[in-house]
Structures are given as structure tokens and as C-alpha cells.
Amino acid sequence: MSYRCEICGKAPSFGKNVTFSHKRNSRRWLPNVQRVRVRDGSNTRRARVCTSCIRAGKVEKA
């Protein structure tokens, strides 16, 4: 599954888990991407959109 928002382009960010003993493991933070029905002109289609774009009103839900 693509973890990228089709509106703003938000994608996973990368970093490290650091334990108490300072061992480091790679990890990634995934954006909260939902599949929603979006009104695209006079048509409707499904799009993967992050929740911050949905809350900001950048997408008109169908």
C-alpha cells in the first residue's frame, strides 16, 4: 500500500528507536492515510488522503 497523500504528498518519515542502553534500530513513522471518495469535478473517485487534509477541508468528500 502506498503511504503517500495524493493532496499534500505527505510520506513516511524515518528515524531511530533508541533504547535505554542507547542501542539504535531503524523505524518509520507512517502518516494516517485514509481511502475516501472524493468529488473530482463532476466525477467521484477514490483517493488516498491524509487525515490532516480531510480536516483542513482540502478535499470535498462525495
PDB file of N, CA and C in Angstrom:
ATOM      1  N   MET A   1       0.840  -1.183   0.000  1.00  0.00           N
ATOM      2  CA  MET A   1       0.000   0.000   0.000  1.00  0.00           C
ATOM      3  C   MET A   1       0.880   1.240   0.000  1.00  0.00           C
ATOM      4  N   SER A   2       0.468   2.219  -0.758  1.00  0.00           N
ATOM      5  CA  SER A   2       1.213   3.475  -0.823  1.00  0.00           C
ATOM      6  C   SER A   2       0.826   4.356   0.356  1.00  0.00           C
ATOM      7  N   TYR A   3       1.788   4.725   1.168  1.00  0.00           N
ATOM      8  CA  TYR A   3       1.534   5.581   2.322  1.00  0.00           C
ATOM      9  C   TYR A   3       1.825   7.033   1.974  1.00  0.00           C
ATOM     10  N   ARG A   4       1.296   7.503   0.850  1.00  0.00           N
ATOM     11  CA  ARG A   4       1.537   8.877   0.421  1.00  0.00           C
ATOM     12  C   ARG A   4       0.191   9.554   0.165  1.00  0.00           C
ATOM     13  N   CYS A   5       0.044  10.756   0.683  1.00  0.00           N
ATOM     14  CA  CYS A   5      -1.175  11.528   0.474  1.00  0.00           C
ATOM     15  C   CYS A   5      -1.164  12.091  -0.943  1.00  0.00           C
ATOM     16  N   GLU A   6      -2.294  11.946  -1.653  1.00  0.00           N
ATOM     17  CA  GLU A   6      -2.375  12.432  -3.025  1.00  0.00           C
ATOM     18  C   GLU A   6      -2.544  13.947  -3.088  1.00  0.00           C
ATOM     19  N   ILE A   7      -2.901  14.586  -1.981  1.00  0.00           N
ATOM     20  CA  ILE A   7      -3.124  16.026  -1.970  1.00  0.00           C
ATOM     21  C   ILE A   7      -1.843  16.774  -1.596  1.00  0.00           C
ATOM     22  N   CYS A   8      -1.287  16.472  -0.433  1.00  0.00           N
ATOM     23  CA  CYS A   8      -0.130  17.233   0.049  1.00  0.00           C
ATOM     24  C   CYS A   8       1.189  16.502  -0.138  1.00  0.00           C
ATOM     25  N   GLY A   9       1.148  15.211  -0.476  1.00  0.00           N
ATOM     26  CA  GLY A   9       2.380  14.465  -0.703  1.00  0.00           C
ATOM     27  C   GLY A   9       3.055  13.986   0.557  1.00  0.00           C
ATOM     28  N   LYS A  10       2.350  14.021   1.681  1.00  0.00           N
ATOM     29  CA  LYS A  10       2.938  13.560   2.944  1.00  0.00           C
ATOM     30  C   LYS A  10       3.281  12.073   2.834  1.00  0.00           C
ATOM     31  N   ALA A  11       4.496  11.711   3.259  1.00  0.00           N
ATOM     32  CA  ALA A  11       5.011  10.348   3.112  1.00  0.00           C
ATOM     33  C   ALA A  11       5.638   9.914   4.436  1.00  0.00           C
ATOM     34  N   PRO A  12       6.030   8.640   4.564  1.00  0.00           N
ATOM     35  CA  PRO A  12       6.658   8.196   5.804  1.00  0.00           C
ATOM     36  C   PRO A  12       7.950   8.957   6.096  1.00  0.00           C
ATOM     37  N   SER A  13       8.179   9.211   7.398  1.00  0.00           N
ATOM     38  CA  SER A  13       9.447   9.818   7.811  1.00  0.00           C
ATOM     39  C   SER A  13      10.251   8.754   8.546  1.00  0.00           C
ATOM     40  N   PHE A  14      11.559   8.895   8.525  1.00  0.00           N
ATOM     41  CA  PHE A  14      12.447   7.862   9.023  1.00  0.00           C
ATOM     42  C   PHE A  14      13.217   8.359  10.224  1.00  0.00           C
ATOM     43  N   GLY A  15      13.611   7.427  11.078  1.00  0.00           N
ATOM     44  CA  GLY A  15      14.383   7.784  12.261  1.00  0.00           C
ATOM     45  C   GLY A  15      14.879   6.529  12.946  1.00  0.00           C
ATOM     46  N   LYS A  16      15.166   6.661  14.232  1.00  0.00           N
ATOM     47  CA  LYS A  16      15.708   5.559  15.014  1.00  0.00           C
ATOM     48  C   LYS A  16      14.907   5.382  16.294  1.00  0.00           C
ATOM     49  N   ASN A  17      14.723   4.126  16.708  1.00  0.00           N
ATOM     50  CA  ASN A  17      14.318   3.814  18.063  1.00  0.00           C
ATOM     51  C   ASN A  17      15.577   3.790  18.909  1.00  0.00           C
ATOM     52  N   VAL A  18      15.569   4.453  20.046  1.00  0.00           N
ATOM     53  CA  VAL A  18      16.731   4.459  20.923  1.00  0.00           C
ATOM     54  C   VAL A  18      16.302   3.859  22.254  1.00  0.00           C
ATOM     55  N   THR A  19      16.952   2.764  22.652  1.00  0.00           N
ATOM     56  CA  THR A  19      16.613   2.097  23.896  1.00  0.00           C
ATOM     57  C   THR A  19      17.298   2.789  25.068  1.00  0.00           C
ATOM     58  N   PHE A  20      17.027   2.303  26.259  1.00  0.00           N
ATOM     59  CA  PHE A  20      17.650   2.836  27.477  1.00  0.00           C
ATOM     60  C   PHE A  20      19.167   2.682  27.422  1.00  0.00           C
ATOM     61  N   SER A  21      19.635   1.593  26.808  1.00  0.00           N
ATOM     62  CA  SER A  21      21.081   1.373  26.689  1.00  0.00           C
ATOM     63  C   SER A  21      21.651   2.008  25.421  1.00  0.00           C
ATOM     64  N   HIS A  22      20.852   2.816  24.733  1.00  0.00           N
ATOM     65  CA  HIS A  22      21.226   3.553  23.517  1.00  0.00           C
ATOM     66  C   HIS A  22      21.552   2.656  22.327  1.00  0.00           C
ATOM     67  N   LYS A  23      20.975   1.447  22.304  1.00  0.00           N
ATOM     68  CA  LYS A  23      21.000   0.679  21.059  1.00  0.00           C
ATOM     69  C   LYS A  23      20.028   1.349  20.102  1.00  0.00           C
ATOM     70  N   ARG A  24      20.366   1.346  18.818  1.00  0.00           N
ATOM     71  CA  ARG A  24      19.538   2.041  17.844  1.00  0.00           C
ATOM     72  C   ARG A  24      19.023   1.077  16.791  1.00  0.00           C
ATOM     73  N   ASN A  25      17.716   1.162  16.531  1.00  0.00           N
ATOM     74  CA  ASN A  25      17.064   0.384  15.488  1.00  0.00           C
ATOM     75  C   ASN A  25      16.329   1.343  14.569  1.00  0.00           C
ATOM     76  N   SER A  26      16.332   1.028  13.290  1.00  0.00           N
ATOM     77  CA  SER A  26      15.617   1.874  12.329  1.00  0.00           C
ATOM     78  C   SER A  26      14.113   1.707  12.506  1.00  0.00           C
ATOM     79  N   ARG A  27      13.388   2.779  12.314  1.00  0.00           N
ATOM     80  CA  ARG A  27      11.931   2.738  12.332  1.00  0.00           C
ATOM     81  C   ARG A  27      11.411   3.818  11.417  1.00  0.00           C
ATOM     82  N   ARG A  28      10.102   3.783  11.148  1.00  0.00           N
ATOM     83  CA  ARG A  28       9.499   4.837  10.357  1.00  0.00           C
ATOM     84  C   ARG A  28       8.133   5.194  10.909  1.00  0.00           C
ATOM     85  N   TRP A  29       7.784   6.457  10.764  1.00  0.00           N
ATOM     86  CA  TRP A  29       6.508   6.983  11.194  1.00  0.00           C
ATOM     87  C   TRP A  29       5.627   7.099   9.966  1.00  0.00           C
ATOM     88  N   LEU A  30       4.482   6.429   9.990  1.00  0.00           N
ATOM     89  CA  LEU A  30       3.588   6.421   8.840  1.00  0.00           C
ATOM     90  C   LEU A  30       2.514   7.489   9.008  1.00  0.00           C
ATOM     91  N   PRO A  31       2.187   8.212   7.946  1.00  0.00           N
ATOM     92  CA  PRO A  31       1.086   9.176   8.030  1.00  0.00           C
ATOM     93  C   PRO A  31      -0.251   8.437   8.082  1.00  0.00           C
ATOM     94  N   ASN A  32      -1.239   9.074   8.672  1.00  0.00           N
ATOM     95  CA  ASN A  32      -2.574   8.489   8.778  1.00  0.00           C
ATOM     96  C   ASN A  32      -3.308   8.742   7.468  1.00  0.00           C
ATOM     97  N   VAL A  33      -3.201   7.773   6.543  1.00  0.00           N
ATOM     98  CA  VAL A  33      -3.768   7.916   5.203  1.00  0.00           C
ATOM     99  C   VAL A  33      -5.023   7.070   5.109  1.00  0.00           C
ATOM    100  N   GLN A  34      -6.122   7.701   4.658  1.00  0.00           N
ATOM    101  CA  GLN A  34      -7.407   7.022   4.521  1.00  0.00           C
ATOM    102  C   GLN A  34      -7.801   7.008   3.050  1.00  0.00           C
ATOM    103  N   ARG A  35      -8.527   5.961   2.639  1.00  0.00           N
ATOM    104  CA  ARG A  35      -9.095   5.936   1.286  1.00  0.00           C
ATOM    105  C   ARG A  35     -10.491   6.515   1.369  1.00  0.00           C
ATOM    106  N   VAL A  36     -10.708   7.633   0.708  1.00  0.00           N
ATOM    107  CA  VAL A  36     -12.011   8.299   0.745  1.00  0.00           C
ATOM    108  C   VAL A  36     -12.494   8.538  -0.678  1.00  0.00           C
ATOM    109  N   ARG A  37     -13.817   8.652  -0.805  1.00  0.00           N
ATOM    110  CA  ARG A  37     -14.405   9.006  -2.098  1.00  0.00           C
ATOM    111  C   ARG A  37     -14.365  10.516  -2.213  1.00  0.00           C
ATOM    112  N   VAL A  38     -13.747  10.984  -3.291  1.00  0.00           N
ATOM    113  CA  VAL A  38     -13.502  12.408  -3.484  1.00  0.00           C
ATOM    114  C   VAL A  38     -14.254  12.882  -4.708  1.00  0.00           C
ATOM    115  N   ARG A  39     -14.862  14.048  -4.602  1.00  0.00           N
ATOM    116  CA  ARG A  39     -15.526  14.643  -5.754  1.00  0.00           C
ATOM    117  C   ARG A  39     -14.465  15.356  -6.581  1.00  0.00           C
ATOM    118  N   ASP A  40     -14.322  14.929  -7.830  1.00  0.00           N
ATOM    119  CA  ASP A  40     -13.298  15.458  -8.730  1.00  0.00           C
ATOM    120  C   ASP A  40     -14.007  16.081  -9.926  1.00  0.00           C
ATOM    121  N   GLY A  41     -14.343  17.358  -9.810  1.00  0.00           N
ATOM    122  CA  GLY A  41     -15.164  17.986 -10.841  1.00  0.00           C
ATOM    123  C   GLY A  41     -16.578  17.454 -10.753  1.00  0.00           C
ATOM    124  N   SER A  42     -17.067  16.828 -11.837  1.00  0.00           N
ATOM    125  CA  SER A  42     -18.398  16.218 -11.801  1.00  0.00           C
ATOM    126  C   SER A  42     -18.325  14.726 -11.521  1.00  0.00           C
ATOM    127  N   ASN A  43     -17.111  14.177 -11.438  1.00  0.00           N
ATOM    128  CA  ASN A  43     -16.924  12.745 -11.191  1.00  0.00           C
ATOM    129  C   ASN A  43     -16.567  12.506  -9.728  1.00  0.00           C
ATOM    130  N   THR A  44     -16.700  11.247  -9.310  1.00  0.00           N
ATOM    131  CA  THR A  44     -16.205  10.846  -7.994  1.00  0.00           C
ATOM    132  C   THR A  44     -15.173   9.750  -8.192  1.00  0.00           C
ATOM    133  N   ARG A  45     -14.154   9.762  -7.350  1.00  0.00           N
ATOM    134  CA  ARG A  45     -13.115   8.745  -7.420  1.00  0.00           C
ATOM    135  C   ARG A  45     -12.604   8.487  -6.020  1.00  0.00           C
ATOM    136  N   ARG A  46     -11.889   7.387  -5.863  1.00  0.00           N
ATOM    137  CA  ARG A  46     -11.280   7.073  -4.578  1.00  0.00           C
ATOM    138  C   ARG A  46      -9.860   7.620  -4.560  1.00  0.00           C
ATOM    139  N   ALA A  47      -9.489   8.198  -3.431  1.00  0.00           N
ATOM    140  CA  ALA A  47      -8.154   8.777  -3.309  1.00  0.00           C
ATOM    141  C   ALA A  47      -7.609   8.453  -1.930  1.00  0.00           C
ATOM    142  N   ARG A  48      -6.290   8.349  -1.830  1.00  0.00           N
ATOM    143  CA  ARG A  48      -5.631   8.168  -0.538  1.00  0.00           C
ATOM    144  C   ARG A  48      -5.236   9.547  -0.027  1.00  0.00           C
ATOM    145  N   VAL A  49      -5.888   9.965   1.058  1.00  0.00           N
ATOM    146  CA  VAL A  49      -5.727  11.320   1.574  1.00  0.00           C
ATOM    147  C   VAL A  49      -5.407  11.230   3.057  1.00  0.00           C
ATOM    148  N   CYS A  50      -4.468  12.062   3.532  1.00  0.00           N
ATOM    149  CA  CYS A  50      -4.136  12.061   4.959  1.00  0.00           C
ATOM    150  C   CYS A  50      -5.242  12.775   5.732  1.00  0.00           C
ATOM    151  N   THR A  51      -5.359  12.459   7.004  1.00  0.00           N
ATOM    152  CA  THR A  51      -6.445  12.999   7.816  1.00  0.00           C
ATOM    153  C   THR A  51      -6.301  14.489   8.045  1.00  0.00           C
ATOM    154  N   SER A  52      -5.080  15.019   8.007  1.00  0.00           N
ATOM    155  CA  SER A  52      -4.934  16.464   8.180  1.00  0.00           C
ATOM    156  C   SER A  52      -5.501  17.213   6.978  1.00  0.00           C
ATOM    157  N   CYS A  53      -5.406  16.649   5.779  1.00  0.00           N
ATOM    158  CA  CYS A  53      -6.017  17.269   4.597  1.00  0.00           C
ATOM    159  C   CYS A  53      -7.541  17.160   4.657  1.00  0.00           C
ATOM    160  N   ILE A  54      -8.054  16.050   5.172  1.00  0.00           N
ATOM    161  CA  ILE A  54      -9.501  15.887   5.299  1.00  0.00           C
ATOM    162  C   ILE A  54     -10.044  16.913   6.288  1.00  0.00           C
ATOM    163  N   ARG A  55      -9.378  17.074   7.433  1.00  0.00           N
ATOM    164  CA  ARG A  55      -9.840  18.016   8.450  1.00  0.00           C
ATOM    165  C   ARG A  55      -9.701  19.456   7.995  1.00  0.00           C
ATOM    166  N   ALA A  56      -8.686  19.756   7.174  1.00  0.00           N
ATOM    167  CA  ALA A  56      -8.468  21.126   6.709  1.00  0.00           C
ATOM    168  C   ALA A  56      -9.448  21.515   5.607  1.00  0.00           C
ATOM    169  N   GLY A  57     -10.205  20.536   5.079  1.00  0.00           N
ATOM    170  CA  GLY A  57     -11.175  20.828   4.039  1.00  0.00           C
ATOM    171  C   GLY A  57     -10.562  20.946   2.648  1.00  0.00           C
ATOM    172  N   LYS A  58      -9.372  20.377   2.457  1.00  0.00           N
ATOM    173  CA  LYS A  58      -8.745  20.434   1.141  1.00  0.00           C
ATOM    174  C   LYS A  58      -9.389  19.472   0.163  1.00  0.00           C
ATOM    175  N   VAL A  59     -10.237  18.553   0.675  1.00  0.00           N
ATOM    176  CA  VAL A  59     -10.886  17.538  -0.140  1.00  0.00           C
ATOM    177  C   VAL A  59     -12.391  17.635   0.082  1.00  0.00           C
ATOM    178  N   GLU A  60     -13.141  17.580  -1.001  1.00  0.00           N
ATOM    179  CA  GLU A  60     -14.599  17.554  -0.879  1.00  0.00           C
ATOM    180  C   GLU A  60     -15.054  16.112  -0.990  1.00  0.00           C
ATOM    181  N   LYS A  61     -15.572  15.579   0.119  1.00  0.00           N
ATOM    182  CA  LYS A  61     -15.993  14.174   0.135  1.00  0.00           C
ATOM    183  C   LYS A  61     -17.284  14.012  -0.633  1.00  0.00           C
ATOM    184  N   ALA A  62     -17.421  12.852  -1.287  1.00  0.00           N
ATOM    185  CA  ALA A  62     -18.635  12.570  -2.076  1.00  0.00           C
ATOM    186  C   ALA A  62     -19.545  11.644  -1.312  1.00  0.00           C
TER     187      ALA A  62
END
